[in-house]
């Protein structure tokens, strides 16, 4: 019997995400996976950490029909710019993360990035936006039958990663429409105003492992701040905010972060948001 070839692993690449104001919970250098989104435009760096691609033997049987997951396209308006609330949350996360690394105020950093002048000769191809996928998540290893398939997937991942870096490092006014820019700024204003209060809550509900390594969890903590700020200031339904936060964690964080963020936000809703709403309703009746 012919010996099976050894399993070979190819790393998939992915872009990373963005930031918040400095505080005792969020401080320190950027984790490698998130540096690209913290860099001001027009940086072209991109971090990487998607699931590996594994060549296994024997090859799996050929699948019939379309692939289980087709690439989703971001929502753009008639001007060719992102126009969805998902992109506003993603932009808020990017600025929050960067602000945390710089020790800057989130709103001031946002305004500074919006008003920044473009480099002479800079040209942005809006076709990048159609290829950008807000729902591109990491996951377990992908198994393929041959090295040729693995090389093909690796090349596609590198292409997608370069496209994401191009989009996320471009001047925001070229990428997002006015609705997204306005909503993102409103979220950051809410993040700044509720920061100290939410820091105290976050310190109580996050797992001990996150408390022991706050520098490695800046990105995850930024997601919590944005979600809490949106729930308490925008009136967005809790389930929507939690689902969006979990999706951001799936996209930009590692390991079990989505599950932890889901649990933390559910605890926040149960112990703080619901109680606040009940007490306010009682006060209004009185």
Protein backbone atom coordinates (compact mmCIF):
# COMPACT_ATOMS: atom_id res chain seq x y z
CA UNK A 1 0.00 0.00 0.00
CA UNK A 2 1.33 3.41 -0.95
CA UNK A 3 2.06 5.61 2.06
CA UNK A 4 -0.19 8.62 2.43
CA UNK A 5 1.57 11.96 1.93
CA UNK A 6 2.08 14.02 5.08
CA UNK A 7 -0.48 16.64 6.01
CA UNK A 8 0.72 20.10 5.04
CA UNK A 9 -0.62 23.31 6.49
CA UNK A 10 -0.88 26.63 4.68
CA UNK A 11 -1.69 29.76 6.62
CA UNK A 12 -4.64 31.81 5.50
CA UNK A 13 -4.40 35.54 5.84
CA UNK A 14 -6.90 38.07 7.00
CA UNK A 15 -7.06 41.71 7.83
CA UNK A 16 -7.49 42.96 11.34
CA UNK A 17 -9.31 45.67 13.15
CA UNK A 18 -9.43 48.92 15.01
CA UNK A 19 -9.60 50.84 18.37
CA UNK A 20 -10.59 53.05 21.52
CA UNK A 21 -9.52 55.63 24.12
CA UNK A 22 -6.80 54.61 26.55
CA UNK A 23 -7.73 53.54 30.10
CA UNK A 24 -6.64 51.13 32.79
CA UNK A 25 -8.32 48.18 31.08
CA UNK A 26 -7.13 48.99 27.55
CA UNK A 27 -3.48 49.84 27.28
CA UNK A 28 -0.38 48.51 25.59
CA UNK A 29 1.00 47.66 22.15
CA UNK A 30 -1.17 46.30 19.38
CA UNK A 31 -1.59 42.57 19.00
CA UNK A 32 -0.17 41.50 15.65
CA UNK A 33 -3.51 40.60 14.12
CA UNK A 34 -4.92 44.12 14.55
CA UNK A 35 -2.11 46.46 13.55
CA UNK A 36 -3.37 47.05 10.02
CA UNK A 37 -6.63 48.56 11.16
CA UNK A 38 -4.96 50.73 13.75
CA UNK A 39 -2.67 52.34 11.19
CA UNK A 40 -3.83 55.71 9.82
CA UNK A 41 -4.56 55.89 6.08
CA UNK A 42 -3.08 55.32 3.58
CA UNK A 43 -1.04 52.53 5.25
CA UNK A 44 -0.94 49.30 3.28
CA UNK A 45 0.12 46.91 6.04
CA UNK A 46 -2.08 43.91 6.78
CA UNK A 47 -1.96 41.35 9.56
CA UNK A 48 -3.00 37.78 9.20
CA UNK A 49 -4.72 35.06 11.17
CA UNK A 50 -7.35 33.05 9.41
CA UNK A 51 -7.74 29.33 9.67
CA UNK A 52 -5.03 27.16 8.09
CA UNK A 53 -5.56 25.28 4.85
CA UNK A 54 -4.70 21.61 5.21
CA UNK A 55 -3.87 19.18 2.43
CA UNK A 56 -5.06 15.75 3.46
CA UNK A 57 -5.03 12.33 1.86
CA UNK A 58 -7.02 10.65 0.49
CA UNK A 59 -8.70 13.60 -1.25
CA UNK A 60 -12.35 14.21 -0.31
CA UNK A 61 -15.02 13.38 -2.89
CA UNK A 62 -15.91 16.18 -5.24
CA UNK A 63 -18.82 18.25 -4.00
CA UNK A 64 -21.84 18.61 -6.22
CA UNK A 65 -23.63 21.89 -6.66
CA UNK A 66 -22.53 25.37 -5.50
CA UNK A 67 -20.13 25.83 -2.55
CA UNK A 68 -21.72 25.88 0.91
CA UNK A 69 -20.61 29.45 1.55
CA UNK A 70 -20.53 31.95 -1.27
CA UNK A 71 -18.66 35.24 -0.74
CA UNK A 72 -21.01 37.99 0.38
CA UNK A 73 -20.69 41.52 -0.95
CA UNK A 74 -20.77 44.60 1.19
CA UNK A 75 -23.75 46.93 0.79
CA UNK A 76 -22.93 50.03 -1.23
CA UNK A 77 -25.10 52.97 -2.23
CA UNK A 78 -25.41 54.69 -5.60
CA UNK A 79 -22.19 56.59 -4.99
CA UNK A 80 -20.36 53.29 -4.60
CA UNK A 81 -19.69 53.74 -0.86
CA UNK A 82 -20.51 51.47 2.07
CA UNK A 83 -23.93 52.33 3.49
CA UNK A 84 -24.76 49.60 6.04
CA UNK A 85 -24.82 49.84 9.87
CA UNK A 86 -22.36 46.91 9.89
CA UNK A 87 -19.76 49.07 8.16
CA UNK A 88 -20.41 51.90 10.68
CA UNK A 89 -19.71 49.55 13.58
CA UNK A 90 -16.61 48.27 11.84
CA UNK A 91 -15.34 51.82 11.32
CA UNK A 92 -16.07 52.67 14.96
CA UNK A 93 -14.11 49.61 16.04
CA UNK A 94 -11.18 50.58 13.83
CA UNK A 95 -11.01 54.09 15.28
CA UNK A 96 -11.57 52.90 18.85
CA UNK A 97 -8.73 50.42 18.65
CA UNK A 98 -6.36 52.95 17.09
CA UNK A 99 -7.28 55.58 19.69
CA UNK A 100 -6.57 53.12 22.47
CA UNK A 101 -3.10 52.44 21.09
CA UNK A 102 -2.37 56.14 20.71
CA UNK A 103 -3.89 57.13 24.05
CA UNK A 104 -6.13 59.53 22.12
CA UNK A 105 -9.76 60.55 22.48
CA UNK A 106 -11.91 58.44 20.15
CA UNK A 107 -14.00 61.31 18.80
CA UNK A 108 -11.04 63.58 18.16
CA UNK A 109 -9.19 60.79 16.37
CA UNK A 110 -12.26 60.09 14.24
CA UNK A 111 -12.57 63.76 13.28
CA UNK A 112 -8.86 63.92 12.53
CA UNK A 113 -9.04 60.94 10.21
CA UNK A 114 -12.11 62.25 8.42
CA UNK A 115 -10.54 65.64 7.79
CA UNK A 116 -7.06 64.31 6.89
CA UNK A 117 -5.82 65.41 3.49
CA UNK A 118 -5.14 62.78 0.86
CA UNK A 119 -1.61 62.16 -0.25
CA UNK A 120 -0.80 63.80 -3.60
CA UNK A 121 -1.58 61.43 -6.46
CA UNK A 122 -3.50 58.97 -4.26
CA UNK A 123 -6.16 57.08 -6.22
CA UNK A 124 -8.68 54.67 -4.71
CA UNK A 125 -10.36 52.04 -6.86
CA UNK A 126 -13.97 51.69 -5.67
CA UNK A 127 -14.11 48.22 -7.22
CA UNK A 128 -12.33 47.11 -4.03
CA UNK A 129 -15.54 47.76 -2.10
CA UNK A 130 -17.51 45.22 -4.14
CA UNK A 131 -14.96 42.53 -3.32
CA UNK A 132 -14.84 43.38 0.39
CA UNK A 133 -16.73 40.89 2.54
CA UNK A 134 -18.01 42.03 5.95
CA UNK A 135 -19.03 38.44 6.68
CA UNK A 136 -15.66 36.80 6.09
CA UNK A 137 -15.01 34.86 9.28
CA UNK A 138 -12.17 32.64 10.46
CA UNK A 139 -12.70 29.08 11.61
CA UNK A 140 -11.17 25.63 11.76
CA UNK A 141 -8.73 24.22 9.20
CA UNK A 142 -9.98 23.81 5.65
CA UNK A 143 -9.27 20.44 4.04
CA UNK A 144 -8.54 20.16 0.35
CA UNK A 145 -7.57 17.22 -1.79
CA UNK A 146 -4.42 18.47 -3.50
CA UNK A 147 -1.62 20.95 -3.08
CA UNK A 148 -2.84 22.67 -6.22
CA UNK A 149 -6.18 23.40 -4.53
CA UNK A 150 -4.35 24.60 -1.42
CA UNK A 151 -2.18 26.94 -3.48
CA UNK A 152 -5.28 28.26 -5.21
CA UNK A 153 -7.01 28.96 -1.90
CA UNK A 154 -3.87 30.52 -0.45
CA UNK A 155 -3.56 32.83 -3.46
CA UNK A 156 -7.22 33.83 -3.10
CA UNK A 157 -6.75 34.52 0.61
CA UNK A 158 -3.75 36.71 -0.10
CA UNK A 159 -5.77 38.59 -2.72
CA UNK A 160 -8.68 39.08 -0.31
CA UNK A 161 -6.29 40.22 2.41
CA UNK A 162 -4.67 42.80 0.14
CA UNK A 163 -8.13 44.04 -0.87
CA UNK A 164 -9.19 44.41 2.76
CA UNK A 165 -6.01 46.32 3.56
CA UNK A 166 -6.69 48.64 0.62
CA UNK A 167 -10.23 49.34 1.81
CA UNK A 168 -9.50 49.73 5.51
CA UNK A 169 -6.52 52.03 5.01
CA UNK A 170 -8.25 54.31 2.48
CA UNK A 171 -9.50 57.79 3.48
CA UNK A 172 -12.90 57.18 5.15
CA UNK A 173 -14.79 59.65 2.94
CA UNK A 174 -13.92 57.53 -0.09
CA UNK A 175 -15.19 54.32 1.53
CA UNK A 176 -18.22 55.26 3.66
CA UNK A 177 -21.26 57.39 2.85
CA UNK A 178 -22.52 60.19 5.09
CA UNK A 179 -24.97 57.94 6.96
CA UNK A 180 -22.19 55.54 7.95
CA UNK A 181 -19.83 58.35 8.96
CA UNK A 182 -22.56 60.00 11.05
CA UNK A 183 -23.58 56.74 12.76
CA UNK A 184 -19.98 55.77 13.44
CA UNK A 185 -19.29 59.14 15.06
CA UNK A 186 -22.45 58.87 17.19
CA UNK A 187 -21.30 55.47 18.41
CA UNK A 188 -17.88 56.88 19.31
CA UNK A 189 -19.44 59.82 21.16
CA UNK A 190 -21.47 57.28 23.16
CA UNK A 191 -18.33 55.21 23.78
CA UNK A 192 -16.50 58.26 25.13
CA UNK A 193 -19.35 59.41 27.38
CA UNK A 194 -19.94 55.97 28.88
CA UNK A 195 -16.31 54.90 29.03
CA UNK A 196 -15.56 55.08 32.76
CA UNK A 197 -18.86 53.49 33.74
CA UNK A 198 -18.45 50.66 31.25
CA UNK A 199 -14.83 50.04 32.29
CA UNK A 200 -16.04 49.19 35.79
CA UNK A 201 -18.71 46.85 34.43
CA UNK A 202 -16.33 45.18 31.98
CA UNK A 203 -13.83 44.48 34.76
CA UNK A 204 -16.56 42.56 36.60
CA UNK A 205 -17.91 40.47 33.73
CA UNK A 206 -14.90 39.50 31.63
CA UNK A 207 -13.10 36.21 32.44
CA UNK A 208 -10.00 36.24 34.62
CA UNK A 209 -7.80 35.23 31.69
CA UNK A 210 -8.72 38.49 29.92
CA UNK A 211 -7.92 40.47 33.08
CA UNK A 212 -4.53 38.76 33.21
CA UNK A 213 -3.71 39.72 29.62
CA UNK A 214 -5.44 43.06 28.89
CA UNK A 215 -2.84 44.05 26.30
CA UNK A 216 -3.73 41.01 24.19
CA UNK A 217 -7.45 41.72 24.55
CA UNK A 218 -7.64 45.39 23.56
CA UNK A 219 -9.60 44.55 20.45
CA UNK A 220 -12.15 42.41 22.29
CA UNK A 221 -12.61 45.05 24.98
CA UNK A 222 -13.19 47.69 22.31
CA UNK A 223 -15.98 45.55 20.87
CA UNK A 224 -17.57 45.37 24.31
CA UNK A 225 -17.36 49.16 24.77
CA UNK A 226 -18.99 49.84 21.40
CA UNK A 227 -21.78 47.31 21.97
CA UNK A 228 -22.54 48.60 25.46
CA UNK A 229 -22.53 52.19 24.23
CA UNK A 230 -24.93 51.35 21.41
CA UNK A 231 -27.34 49.51 23.70
CA UNK A 232 -27.45 52.29 26.27
CA UNK A 233 -27.49 55.30 23.93
CA UNK A 234 -28.98 54.34 20.55
CA UNK A 235 -31.87 52.13 21.61
CA UNK A 236 -30.86 49.39 19.18
CA UNK A 237 -32.48 46.04 20.11
CA UNK A 238 -30.19 44.03 22.38
CA UNK A 239 -30.21 40.95 20.16
CA UNK A 240 -29.12 42.98 17.14
CA UNK A 241 -26.23 44.60 19.02
CA UNK A 242 -25.07 41.29 20.50
CA UNK A 243 -25.19 39.54 17.12
CA UNK A 244 -23.23 42.38 15.51
CA UNK A 245 -20.62 42.31 18.29
CA UNK A 246 -20.23 38.54 17.96
CA UNK A 247 -19.81 38.88 14.19
CA UNK A 248 -17.10 41.52 14.68
CA UNK A 249 -15.34 39.17 17.09
CA UNK A 250 -15.59 36.30 14.59
CA UNK A 251 -14.11 38.51 11.93
CA UNK A 252 -11.29 40.20 13.79
CA UNK A 253 -10.54 38.23 16.98
CA UNK A 254 -9.09 34.84 17.76
CA UNK A 255 -10.21 31.66 19.46
CA UNK A 256 -13.17 31.73 21.80
CA UNK A 257 -13.58 35.53 21.81
CA UNK A 258 -17.00 35.48 20.06
CA UNK A 259 -18.42 33.13 22.69
CA UNK A 260 -17.00 35.18 25.57
CA UNK A 261 -18.27 38.45 24.12
CA UNK A 262 -21.71 36.93 23.65
CA UNK A 263 -21.77 35.85 27.31
CA UNK A 264 -20.46 39.17 28.61
CA UNK A 265 -23.06 41.19 26.70
CA UNK A 266 -25.91 38.96 27.79
CA UNK A 267 -24.79 39.45 31.38
CA UNK A 268 -24.60 43.20 30.78
CA UNK A 269 -28.16 43.25 29.43
CA UNK A 270 -29.49 41.14 32.31
CA UNK A 271 -27.72 42.96 35.15
CA UNK A 272 -27.57 46.53 33.87
CA UNK A 273 -29.61 47.41 30.80
CA UNK A 274 -32.82 45.60 31.76
CA UNK A 275 -32.65 46.85 35.34
CA UNK A 276 -32.01 50.40 34.18
CA UNK A 277 -34.99 50.26 31.83
CA UNK A 278 -37.25 48.86 34.57
CA UNK A 279 -36.20 51.53 37.07
CA UNK A 280 -36.69 54.32 34.53
CA UNK A 281 -40.16 53.00 33.70
CA UNK A 282 -41.06 52.92 37.39
CA UNK A 283 -39.80 56.48 37.87
CA UNK A 284 -41.86 57.73 34.92
CA UNK A 285 -45.02 56.08 36.31
CA UNK A 286 -44.41 57.63 39.72
